[in-house]
């Protein structure tokens, strides 16, 4: 009966100190094995975490690119609407100046040369206004494109820093 408690004590001792041999010497080989196993588990966890991180980064970049494309498309639509409205306004100006020139020429009794010259001048001015407006829209669009490009670069750099 005295052997049974002693055996239980030895088993408990071995369970507590798994890296100690029954003769009391440390089991270096087993220590190394456990250490290597823990390192291997840690590496696997790190690989999985890195894979998840890359996946999330890719998703964020894809979402950012999608948003950039949506904004770019919306910007183009707005620019087209603006151009169309400005063109309509210029056409209205051209028609009104042409009508005014014709009525002035007829009232003065001119042969129409002065009226035609005034009409051409009014159309030239209206086209110049339209040209300036289109240039302004192009400059604004380029500014928006540059801002989006810079924002994308900054976000990519931030995501890279997070890794």
Foldseek 3Di string as FASTA:
>chain_A
DVVVVVVVVLVVVCVVQVQADSVGHGNVVVVVVVVVVVVVVVVVVVVVVVVVLVVVVVVVLVVLVVVVVVVLVVLVVVLVVVLVVLVVVLVVQLVVLLVVLVVVCVVVVHPCPVSVVSSVVSNVVSVVVSVVVNVVSVVVSVVVVVVSVVVSVVVVVVSVVVD
